[in-house]
Amino acid sequence: MTIDFNTAADLWVESGCFQTPSALQGWLTGFLSAGGRLTDDAWMVEAQEYLELENDLPDNLKDLLRDFYEEVLTGLSGEAMDFAILLPADEDADIDEQVECLAQWSKGFLDGFGASGRVQGKVPEDVMEVLQDLDAFSNAQLDDPADPDNEMLYLELAEHARIAALTVFYAMNKQGPASKTLH
């Protein structure tokens, strides 16, 4: 299953979420990449807190969040390296919105990485470089929205962020394959 950005965004609006689907997926990716794992209940609590929802999570949002967890962990840990960042498609959003979602994903990744509590001591140099790149991406914005090079630059940054997530995951999760199911 591949989660569609628009489907997630519609459910976010219905549920009154204050963070974007990209930001939450970034948080989860950072958390898992740092070596953190969550039970189903713990994931629901973390997601509800990150999305700044005061009421109980609706069942359809819980189902999507379970799919998020499974899809992100499978994408990161699978041999196919088919992890995909949840961003709006070209035909559904202008370049400003796409860049903003990438910035939110990058900030979310850093938040989740830190929230994992798994990183103690010195972070490997390659991981530190990647985290610095993502920190820069979290502040991304367009100087000139009409610049014809924006689309290519955005695609390059999004691919760099995707590879960065895989790099961090493999560096921080060397102890063997992760459990892919929630308990």
N, C-alpha and C. Protein backbone atom coordinates (compact mmCIF):
# COMPACT_ATOMS: atom_id res chain seq x y z
N MET A 1 0.84 -1.19 0.00
CA MET A 1 0.00 0.00 0.00
C MET A 1 0.88 1.25 0.00
N THR A 2 0.53 2.19 -0.81
CA THR A 2 1.22 3.48 -0.82
C THR A 2 0.22 4.54 -0.39
N ILE A 3 0.57 5.27 0.64
CA ILE A 3 -0.31 6.31 1.14
C ILE A 3 -0.26 7.51 0.20
N ASP A 4 -1.42 7.99 -0.16
CA ASP A 4 -1.55 9.14 -1.06
C ASP A 4 -1.57 10.42 -0.22
N PHE A 5 -0.78 11.40 -0.63
CA PHE A 5 -0.71 12.66 0.12
C PHE A 5 -2.08 13.32 0.24
N ASN A 6 -2.83 13.40 -0.86
CA ASN A 6 -4.13 14.08 -0.83
C ASN A 6 -5.12 13.38 0.09
N THR A 7 -5.12 12.05 0.07
CA THR A 7 -6.00 11.29 0.96
C THR A 7 -5.66 11.60 2.41
N ALA A 8 -4.36 11.58 2.72
CA ALA A 8 -3.92 11.88 4.08
C ALA A 8 -4.26 13.33 4.44
N ALA A 9 -4.01 14.26 3.54
CA ALA A 9 -4.27 15.67 3.82
C ALA A 9 -5.76 15.92 4.07
N ASP A 10 -6.62 15.26 3.29
CA ASP A 10 -8.06 15.41 3.51
C ASP A 10 -8.46 14.91 4.89
N LEU A 11 -7.92 13.77 5.28
CA LEU A 11 -8.22 13.21 6.60
C LEU A 11 -7.66 14.11 7.71
N TRP A 12 -6.51 14.70 7.46
CA TRP A 12 -5.92 15.64 8.43
C TRP A 12 -6.87 16.81 8.66
N VAL A 13 -7.41 17.37 7.57
CA VAL A 13 -8.32 18.51 7.68
C VAL A 13 -9.58 18.10 8.44
N GLU A 14 -10.15 16.96 8.06
CA GLU A 14 -11.35 16.43 8.73
C GLU A 14 -11.13 16.27 10.23
N SER A 15 -9.94 15.83 10.60
CA SER A 15 -9.63 15.51 12.00
C SER A 15 -9.13 16.71 12.79
N GLY A 16 -8.83 17.82 12.11
CA GLY A 16 -8.36 19.02 12.79
C GLY A 16 -6.90 18.98 13.19
N CYS A 17 -6.08 18.28 12.41
CA CYS A 17 -4.65 18.17 12.71
C CYS A 17 -3.95 19.51 12.45
N PHE A 18 -2.96 19.82 13.29
CA PHE A 18 -2.22 21.07 13.14
C PHE A 18 -0.88 20.88 12.45
N GLN A 19 -0.49 19.68 12.16
CA GLN A 19 0.74 19.41 11.42
C GLN A 19 0.35 18.74 10.11
N THR A 20 1.20 18.84 9.12
CA THR A 20 0.90 18.23 7.82
C THR A 20 1.24 16.74 7.83
N PRO A 21 0.69 15.98 6.88
CA PRO A 21 1.10 14.59 6.75
C PRO A 21 2.61 14.46 6.52
N SER A 22 3.19 15.38 5.78
CA SER A 22 4.64 15.35 5.54
C SER A 22 5.41 15.48 6.84
N ALA A 23 4.99 16.41 7.70
CA ALA A 23 5.67 16.63 8.98
C ALA A 23 5.60 15.38 9.85
N LEU A 24 4.42 14.76 9.93
CA LEU A 24 4.28 13.56 10.77
C LEU A 24 5.09 12.41 10.19
N GLN A 25 5.07 12.24 8.87
CA GLN A 25 5.87 11.16 8.29
C GLN A 25 7.35 11.41 8.53
N GLY A 26 7.77 12.67 8.46
CA GLY A 26 9.15 13.00 8.77
C GLY A 26 9.50 12.65 10.21
N TRP A 27 8.60 12.98 11.15
CA TRP A 27 8.83 12.66 12.56
C TRP A 27 9.00 11.15 12.73
N LEU A 28 8.07 10.40 12.17
CA LEU A 28 8.12 8.94 12.30
C LEU A 28 9.38 8.38 11.66
N THR A 29 9.75 8.90 10.50
CA THR A 29 10.96 8.44 9.82
C THR A 29 12.20 8.71 10.67
N GLY A 30 12.29 9.90 11.25
CA GLY A 30 13.42 10.22 12.12
C GLY A 30 13.46 9.34 13.35
N PHE A 31 12.31 9.11 13.95
CA PHE A 31 12.22 8.27 15.15
C PHE A 31 12.69 6.85 14.85
N LEU A 32 12.17 6.27 13.77
CA LEU A 32 12.55 4.90 13.39
C LEU A 32 14.00 4.84 12.93
N SER A 33 14.46 5.86 12.23
CA SER A 33 15.84 5.88 11.74
C SER A 33 16.83 5.92 12.88
N ALA A 34 16.48 6.57 13.98
CA ALA A 34 17.36 6.64 15.14
C ALA A 34 17.39 5.32 15.91
N GLY A 35 16.53 4.40 15.55
CA GLY A 35 16.49 3.10 16.22
C GLY A 35 15.30 2.93 17.14
N GLY A 36 14.44 3.93 17.22
CA GLY A 36 13.26 3.84 18.07
C GLY A 36 12.19 2.96 17.44
N ARG A 37 11.41 2.33 18.28
CA ARG A 37 10.26 1.55 17.83
C ARG A 37 9.12 1.84 18.80
N LEU A 38 7.90 1.72 18.32
CA LEU A 38 6.73 2.04 19.13
C LEU A 38 5.71 0.92 19.06
N THR A 39 5.05 0.67 20.18
CA THR A 39 3.88 -0.20 20.16
C THR A 39 2.76 0.58 19.48
N ASP A 40 1.70 -0.10 19.14
CA ASP A 40 0.57 0.57 18.50
C ASP A 40 0.03 1.68 19.39
N ASP A 41 -0.17 1.40 20.67
CA ASP A 41 -0.70 2.41 21.59
C ASP A 41 0.24 3.60 21.72
N ALA A 42 1.53 3.33 21.85
CA ALA A 42 2.51 4.42 21.99
C ALA A 42 2.56 5.27 20.72
N TRP A 43 2.45 4.64 19.56
CA TRP A 43 2.44 5.38 18.30
C TRP A 43 1.22 6.29 18.21
N MET A 44 0.06 5.78 18.64
CA MET A 44 -1.14 6.62 18.61
C MET A 44 -0.98 7.84 19.53
N VAL A 45 -0.39 7.64 20.70
CA VAL A 45 -0.17 8.74 21.64
C VAL A 45 0.80 9.76 21.04
N GLU A 46 1.91 9.27 20.50
CA GLU A 46 2.91 10.18 19.89
C GLU A 46 2.32 10.95 18.72
N ALA A 47 1.58 10.25 17.86
CA ALA A 47 0.98 10.91 16.69
C ALA A 47 -0.04 11.96 17.13
N GLN A 48 -0.87 11.61 18.10
CA GLN A 48 -1.88 12.55 18.58
C GLN A 48 -1.22 13.80 19.15
N GLU A 49 -0.15 13.60 19.90
CA GLU A 49 0.57 14.74 20.47
C GLU A 49 1.22 15.59 19.37
N TYR A 50 1.88 14.94 18.41
CA TYR A 50 2.57 15.68 17.35
C TYR A 50 1.58 16.43 16.47
N LEU A 51 0.42 15.83 16.24
CA LEU A 51 -0.60 16.48 15.41
C LEU A 51 -1.40 17.53 16.19
N GLU A 52 -1.13 17.61 17.49
CA GLU A 52 -1.77 18.59 18.37
C GLU A 52 -3.29 18.42 18.39
N LEU A 53 -3.72 17.16 18.48
CA LEU A 53 -5.14 16.85 18.56
C LEU A 53 -5.55 16.71 20.01
N GLU A 54 -6.58 17.43 20.41
CA GLU A 54 -7.04 17.36 21.80
C GLU A 54 -8.03 16.22 22.00
N ASN A 55 -8.82 15.91 21.00
CA ASN A 55 -9.82 14.85 21.11
C ASN A 55 -9.21 13.51 20.72
N ASP A 56 -9.94 12.44 21.02
CA ASP A 56 -9.48 11.11 20.64
C ASP A 56 -9.33 11.02 19.12
N LEU A 57 -8.40 10.19 18.70
CA LEU A 57 -8.18 10.00 17.27
C LEU A 57 -9.37 9.27 16.66
N PRO A 58 -9.92 9.78 15.56
CA PRO A 58 -10.98 9.04 14.87
C PRO A 58 -10.44 7.71 14.34
N ASP A 59 -11.31 6.72 14.23
CA ASP A 59 -10.89 5.38 13.80
C ASP A 59 -10.22 5.40 12.43
N ASN A 60 -10.76 6.19 11.49
CA ASN A 60 -10.15 6.22 10.16
C ASN A 60 -8.76 6.83 10.19
N LEU A 61 -8.52 7.78 11.10
CA LEU A 61 -7.17 8.34 11.25
C LEU A 61 -6.25 7.32 11.91
N LYS A 62 -6.75 6.58 12.89
CA LYS A 62 -5.94 5.52 13.52
C LYS A 62 -5.50 4.50 12.47
N ASP A 63 -6.43 4.11 11.60
CA ASP A 63 -6.10 3.15 10.55
C ASP A 63 -5.00 3.69 9.65
N LEU A 64 -5.12 4.96 9.26
CA LEU A 64 -4.10 5.56 8.39
C LEU A 64 -2.76 5.65 9.13
N LEU A 65 -2.79 5.97 10.40
CA LEU A 65 -1.55 6.06 11.18
C LEU A 65 -0.86 4.70 11.29
N ARG A 66 -1.65 3.65 11.43
CA ARG A 66 -1.06 2.30 11.44
C ARG A 66 -0.41 2.00 10.09
N ASP A 67 -1.08 2.41 9.02
CA ASP A 67 -0.51 2.24 7.68
C ASP A 67 0.78 3.05 7.53
N PHE A 68 0.78 4.27 8.06
CA PHE A 68 1.98 5.11 8.05
C PHE A 68 3.15 4.36 8.66
N TYR A 69 2.93 3.84 9.86
CA TYR A 69 4.00 3.17 10.60
C TYR A 69 4.54 1.99 9.78
N GLU A 70 3.64 1.16 9.33
CA GLU A 70 4.03 -0.04 8.58
C GLU A 70 4.76 0.33 7.29
N GLU A 71 4.22 1.30 6.57
CA GLU A 71 4.82 1.70 5.29
C GLU A 71 6.20 2.32 5.47
N VAL A 72 6.35 3.18 6.46
CA VAL A 72 7.64 3.82 6.68
C VAL A 72 8.68 2.79 7.12
N LEU A 73 8.35 1.95 8.09
CA LEU A 73 9.32 0.97 8.56
C LEU A 73 9.68 -0.03 7.47
N THR A 74 8.70 -0.48 6.72
CA THR A 74 8.97 -1.42 5.62
C THR A 74 9.82 -0.75 4.54
N GLY A 75 9.50 0.48 4.21
CA GLY A 75 10.28 1.20 3.19
C GLY A 75 11.72 1.42 3.61
N LEU A 76 11.94 1.73 4.88
CA LEU A 76 13.30 1.96 5.37
C LEU A 76 14.09 0.66 5.50
N SER A 77 13.44 -0.38 5.96
CA SER A 77 14.18 -1.61 6.28
C SER A 77 14.21 -2.63 5.14
N GLY A 78 13.41 -2.43 4.12
CA GLY A 78 13.34 -3.38 3.03
C GLY A 78 14.56 -3.33 2.12
N GLU A 79 14.84 -4.45 1.50
CA GLU A 79 15.99 -4.53 0.60
C GLU A 79 15.79 -3.71 -0.67
N ALA A 80 14.56 -3.44 -1.03
CA ALA A 80 14.27 -2.70 -2.26
C ALA A 80 14.61 -1.22 -2.14
N MET A 81 14.83 -0.74 -0.91
CA MET A 81 15.13 0.67 -0.67
C MET A 81 14.07 1.57 -1.32
N ASP A 82 12.81 1.17 -1.18
CA ASP A 82 11.74 1.90 -1.85
C ASP A 82 11.02 2.89 -0.93
N PHE A 83 11.68 3.29 0.14
CA PHE A 83 11.12 4.30 1.01
C PHE A 83 10.80 5.55 0.20
N ALA A 84 9.63 6.12 0.42
CA ALA A 84 9.23 7.34 -0.29
C ALA A 84 8.77 8.39 0.72
N ILE A 85 9.19 9.62 0.50
CA ILE A 85 8.75 10.73 1.34
C ILE A 85 7.35 11.12 0.90
N LEU A 86 6.48 11.36 1.86
CA LEU A 86 5.10 11.74 1.57
C LEU A 86 5.03 13.24 1.29
N LEU A 87 4.97 13.56 0.01
CA LEU A 87 4.92 14.95 -0.45
C LEU A 87 3.81 15.10 -1.49
N PRO A 88 3.28 16.30 -1.65
CA PRO A 88 2.25 16.50 -2.67
C PRO A 88 2.82 16.31 -4.08
N ALA A 89 2.00 15.75 -4.95
CA ALA A 89 2.40 15.54 -6.34
C ALA A 89 2.41 16.86 -7.11
N ASP A 90 3.20 16.89 -8.17
CA ASP A 90 3.32 18.09 -9.00
C ASP A 90 1.97 18.64 -9.46
N GLU A 91 1.09 17.73 -9.88
CA GLU A 91 -0.18 18.18 -10.43
C GLU A 91 -1.16 18.64 -9.35
N ASP A 92 -0.85 18.37 -8.08
CA ASP A 92 -1.76 18.71 -7.00
C ASP A 92 -1.35 19.94 -6.19
N ALA A 93 -0.13 20.41 -6.38
CA ALA A 93 0.37 21.52 -5.55
C ALA A 93 1.36 22.35 -6.35
N ASP A 94 1.41 23.62 -6.03
CA ASP A 94 2.42 24.45 -6.68
C ASP A 94 3.77 24.23 -6.00
N ILE A 95 4.80 24.73 -6.60
CA ILE A 95 6.17 24.49 -6.13
C ILE A 95 6.38 25.04 -4.72
N ASP A 96 5.73 26.15 -4.39
CA ASP A 96 5.84 26.71 -3.03
C ASP A 96 5.37 25.70 -1.98
N GLU A 97 4.20 25.09 -2.23
CA GLU A 97 3.65 24.12 -1.28
C GLU A 97 4.54 22.88 -1.20
N GLN A 98 5.06 22.44 -2.33
CA GLN A 98 5.93 21.27 -2.32
C GLN A 98 7.19 21.52 -1.49
N VAL A 99 7.80 22.68 -1.68
CA VAL A 99 9.01 23.02 -0.93
C VAL A 99 8.68 23.15 0.56
N GLU A 100 7.55 23.76 0.88
CA GLU A 100 7.13 23.89 2.28
C GLU A 100 6.93 22.52 2.93
N CYS A 101 6.31 21.59 2.21
CA CYS A 101 6.11 20.25 2.75
C CYS A 101 7.44 19.52 2.94
N LEU A 102 8.38 19.71 2.03
CA LEU A 102 9.70 19.12 2.19
C LEU A 102 10.40 19.71 3.42
N ALA A 103 10.27 21.01 3.62
CA ALA A 103 10.85 21.66 4.80
C ALA A 103 10.21 21.10 6.07
N GLN A 104 8.89 20.92 6.06
CA GLN A 104 8.19 20.36 7.22
C GLN A 104 8.60 18.91 7.47
N TRP A 105 8.76 18.14 6.40
CA TRP A 105 9.21 16.75 6.54
C TRP A 105 10.60 16.73 7.20
N SER A 106 11.48 17.59 6.73
CA SER A 106 12.86 17.63 7.25
C SER A 106 12.88 18.01 8.73
N LYS A 107 12.09 19.01 9.10
CA LYS A 107 12.00 19.40 10.51
C LYS A 107 11.42 18.26 11.32
N GLY A 108 10.38 17.62 10.80
CA GLY A 108 9.78 16.48 11.48
C GLY A 108 10.80 15.36 11.70
N PHE A 109 11.62 15.10 10.69
CA PHE A 109 12.66 14.06 10.81
C PHE A 109 13.57 14.38 11.98
N LEU A 110 14.03 15.61 12.06
CA LEU A 110 14.94 16.01 13.14
C LEU A 110 14.24 15.91 14.50
N ASP A 111 12.98 16.31 14.56
CA ASP A 111 12.22 16.20 15.81
C ASP A 111 12.09 14.74 16.24
N GLY A 112 11.75 13.87 15.30
CA GLY A 112 11.59 12.45 15.61
C GLY A 112 12.90 11.79 15.99
N PHE A 113 13.97 12.16 15.30
CA PHE A 113 15.29 11.62 15.61
C PHE A 113 15.64 11.94 17.06
N GLY A 114 15.42 13.19 17.46
CA GLY A 114 15.70 13.59 18.83
C GLY A 114 14.76 12.96 19.84
N ALA A 115 13.49 12.82 19.48
CA ALA A 115 12.49 12.26 20.39
C ALA A 115 12.70 10.78 20.67
N SER A 116 13.45 10.11 19.82
CA SER A 116 13.63 8.66 20.00
C SER A 116 14.35 8.32 21.29
N GLY A 117 15.21 9.22 21.76
CA GLY A 117 15.98 8.94 22.96
C GLY A 117 17.00 7.85 22.78
N ARG A 118 17.23 7.44 21.55
CA ARG A 118 18.13 6.32 21.26
C ARG A 118 19.56 6.75 20.99
N VAL A 119 19.76 8.01 20.74
CA VAL A 119 21.08 8.49 20.36
C VAL A 119 21.82 8.95 21.61
N GLN A 120 22.87 8.20 21.94
CA GLN A 120 23.68 8.54 23.10
C GLN A 120 25.13 8.57 22.66
N GLY A 121 25.84 9.54 23.16
CA GLY A 121 27.24 9.65 22.77
C GLY A 121 27.39 10.30 21.41
N LYS A 122 28.50 9.99 20.77
CA LYS A 122 28.83 10.62 19.50
C LYS A 122 28.05 10.00 18.34
N VAL A 123 27.49 10.86 17.53
CA VAL A 123 26.77 10.43 16.33
C VAL A 123 27.81 10.21 15.23
N PRO A 124 27.71 9.10 14.47
CA PRO A 124 28.66 8.88 13.38
C PRO A 124 28.72 10.09 12.44
N GLU A 125 29.91 10.34 11.90
CA GLU A 125 30.14 11.53 11.07
C GLU A 125 29.19 11.62 9.88
N ASP A 126 28.97 10.47 9.19
CA ASP A 126 28.08 10.51 8.02
C ASP A 126 26.65 10.85 8.43
N VAL A 127 26.23 10.38 9.59
CA VAL A 127 24.89 10.70 10.09
C VAL A 127 24.81 12.18 10.45
N MET A 128 25.86 12.71 11.08
CA MET A 128 25.87 14.13 11.45
C MET A 128 25.77 15.01 10.20
N GLU A 129 26.47 14.64 9.14
CA GLU A 129 26.40 15.41 7.89
C GLU A 129 24.98 15.41 7.33
N VAL A 130 24.35 14.25 7.36
CA VAL A 130 22.98 14.12 6.86
C VAL A 130 22.03 14.96 7.71
N LEU A 131 22.19 14.92 9.02
CA LEU A 131 21.33 15.70 9.90
C LEU A 131 21.50 17.20 9.64
N GLN A 132 22.73 17.61 9.37
CA GLN A 132 22.97 19.02 9.04
C GLN A 132 22.30 19.40 7.72
N ASP A 133 22.35 18.49 6.74
CA ASP A 133 21.65 18.74 5.48
C ASP A 133 20.15 18.90 5.72
N LEU A 134 19.58 18.00 6.51
CA LEU A 134 18.14 18.07 6.78
C LEU A 134 17.78 19.32 7.57
N ASP A 135 18.69 19.76 8.44
CA ASP A 135 18.46 21.01 9.15
C ASP A 135 18.37 22.17 8.15
N ALA A 136 19.26 22.18 7.18
CA ALA A 136 19.21 23.21 6.14
C ALA A 136 17.92 23.10 5.33
N PHE A 137 17.52 21.88 4.99
CA PHE A 137 16.29 21.67 4.22
C PHE A 137 15.07 22.16 5.01
N SER A 138 15.12 22.05 6.33
CA SER A 138 13.96 22.45 7.15
C SER A 138 13.69 23.95 7.06
N ASN A 139 14.65 24.68 6.55
CA ASN A 139 14.49 26.13 6.37
C ASN A 139 14.32 26.52 4.90
N ALA A 140 14.10 25.53 4.05
CA ALA A 140 14.02 25.79 2.61
C ALA A 140 12.83 26.67 2.27
N GLN A 141 13.08 27.58 1.37
CA GLN A 141 12.02 28.41 0.80
C GLN A 141 12.51 28.94 -0.54
N LEU A 142 11.57 29.33 -1.36
CA LEU A 142 11.91 29.82 -2.69
C LEU A 142 12.14 31.33 -2.67
N ASP A 143 13.24 31.76 -3.28
CA ASP A 143 13.49 33.19 -3.42
C ASP A 143 12.62 33.77 -4.53
N ASP A 144 12.51 33.01 -5.62
CA ASP A 144 11.74 33.47 -6.78
C ASP A 144 10.85 32.32 -7.25
N PRO A 145 9.59 32.30 -6.85
CA PRO A 145 8.70 31.20 -7.23
C PRO A 145 8.56 30.99 -8.74
N ALA A 146 8.88 31.99 -9.53
CA ALA A 146 8.75 31.87 -10.99
C ALA A 146 10.01 31.30 -11.65
N ASP A 147 11.06 31.08 -10.89
CA ASP A 147 12.32 30.57 -11.46
C ASP A 147 12.09 29.18 -12.05
N PRO A 148 12.41 28.99 -13.33
CA PRO A 148 12.17 27.70 -13.98
C PRO A 148 13.04 26.56 -13.42
N ASP A 149 14.09 26.88 -12.69
CA ASP A 149 14.95 25.85 -12.12
C ASP A 149 14.42 25.29 -10.80
N ASN A 150 13.38 25.89 -10.25
CA ASN A 150 12.85 25.47 -8.95
C ASN A 150 12.43 24.01 -8.94
N GLU A 151 11.74 23.58 -9.97
CA GLU A 151 11.22 22.21 -10.01
C GLU A 151 12.36 21.20 -9.94
N MET A 152 13.41 21.41 -10.72
CA MET A 152 14.54 20.49 -10.72
C MET A 152 15.25 20.51 -9.36
N LEU A 153 15.43 21.68 -8.81
CA LEU A 153 16.07 21.80 -7.50
C LEU A 153 15.25 21.09 -6.43
N TYR A 154 13.95 21.28 -6.45
CA TYR A 154 13.06 20.61 -5.50
C TYR A 154 13.19 19.09 -5.61
N LEU A 155 13.15 18.57 -6.83
CA LEU A 155 13.26 17.12 -7.02
C LEU A 155 14.60 16.59 -6.50
N GLU A 156 15.66 17.34 -6.72
CA GLU A 156 16.98 16.94 -6.23
C GLU A 156 17.02 16.95 -4.70
N LEU A 157 16.45 17.98 -4.09
CA LEU A 157 16.42 18.05 -2.63
C LEU A 157 15.57 16.93 -2.03
N ALA A 158 14.43 16.65 -2.64
CA ALA A 158 13.56 15.58 -2.15
C ALA A 158 14.26 14.23 -2.24
N GLU A 159 14.97 13.98 -3.32
CA GLU A 159 15.71 12.71 -3.45
C GLU A 159 16.86 12.67 -2.45
N HIS A 160 17.52 13.78 -2.25
CA HIS A 160 18.60 13.84 -1.26
C HIS A 160 18.05 13.53 0.14
N ALA A 161 16.89 14.09 0.47
CA ALA A 161 16.27 13.83 1.78
C ALA A 161 15.89 12.36 1.91
N ARG A 162 15.39 11.76 0.84
CA ARG A 162 15.02 10.34 0.87
C ARG A 162 16.25 9.47 1.13
N ILE A 163 17.33 9.74 0.41
CA ILE A 163 18.57 8.98 0.60
C ILE A 163 19.15 9.26 1.98
N ALA A 164 19.01 10.48 2.46
CA ALA A 164 19.49 10.83 3.80
C ALA A 164 18.79 9.97 4.85
N ALA A 165 17.48 9.81 4.72
CA ALA A 165 16.73 8.99 5.68
C ALA A 165 17.22 7.55 5.66
N LEU A 166 17.42 7.01 4.47
CA LEU A 166 17.94 5.64 4.36
C LEU A 166 19.33 5.53 4.96
N THR A 167 20.17 6.52 4.73
CA THR A 167 21.53 6.53 5.27
C THR A 167 21.50 6.49 6.79
N VAL A 168 20.69 7.35 7.38
CA VAL A 168 20.60 7.39 8.85
C VAL A 168 20.03 6.07 9.37
N PHE A 169 18.98 5.56 8.72
CA PHE A 169 18.38 4.31 9.17
C PHE A 169 19.42 3.18 9.19
N TYR A 170 20.15 3.02 8.11
CA TYR A 170 21.12 1.93 8.04
C TYR A 170 22.27 2.13 9.02
N ALA A 171 22.70 3.37 9.22
CA ALA A 171 23.80 3.63 10.15
C ALA A 171 23.39 3.39 11.60
N MET A 172 22.15 3.71 11.93
CA MET A 172 21.72 3.64 13.33
C MET A 172 20.99 2.33 13.67
N ASN A 173 20.75 1.49 12.69
CA ASN A 173 20.00 0.24 12.92
C ASN A 173 20.79 -0.96 12.43
N LYS A 174 22.07 -0.99 12.70
CA LYS A 174 22.95 -2.06 12.20
C LYS A 174 22.77 -3.39 12.90
N GLN A 175 22.08 -3.42 14.03
CA GLN A 175 22.01 -4.63 14.83
C GLN A 175 21.14 -5.74 14.25
N GLY A 176 20.56 -5.54 13.10
CA GLY A 176 19.77 -6.60 12.49
C GLY A 176 18.42 -6.07 12.06
N PRO A 177 17.65 -6.93 11.41
CA PRO A 177 16.35 -6.48 10.90
C PRO A 177 15.41 -6.12 12.04
N ALA A 178 14.62 -5.09 11.79
CA ALA A 178 13.67 -4.61 12.79
C ALA A 178 12.36 -5.37 12.68
N SER A 179 11.67 -5.45 13.79
CA SER A 179 10.33 -6.01 13.78
C SER A 179 9.44 -5.10 12.95
N LYS A 180 8.65 -5.68 12.07
CA LYS A 180 7.84 -4.87 11.17
C LYS A 180 6.39 -4.74 11.62
N THR A 181 6.04 -5.36 12.73
CA THR A 181 4.65 -5.30 13.15
C THR A 181 4.51 -4.53 14.45
N LEU A 182 3.36 -3.93 14.60
CA LEU A 182 3.04 -3.24 15.84
C LEU A 182 2.42 -4.25 16.79
N HIS A 183 2.69 -4.09 18.06
CA HIS A 183 2.11 -4.99 19.07
C HIS A 183 1.22 -4.22 19.99
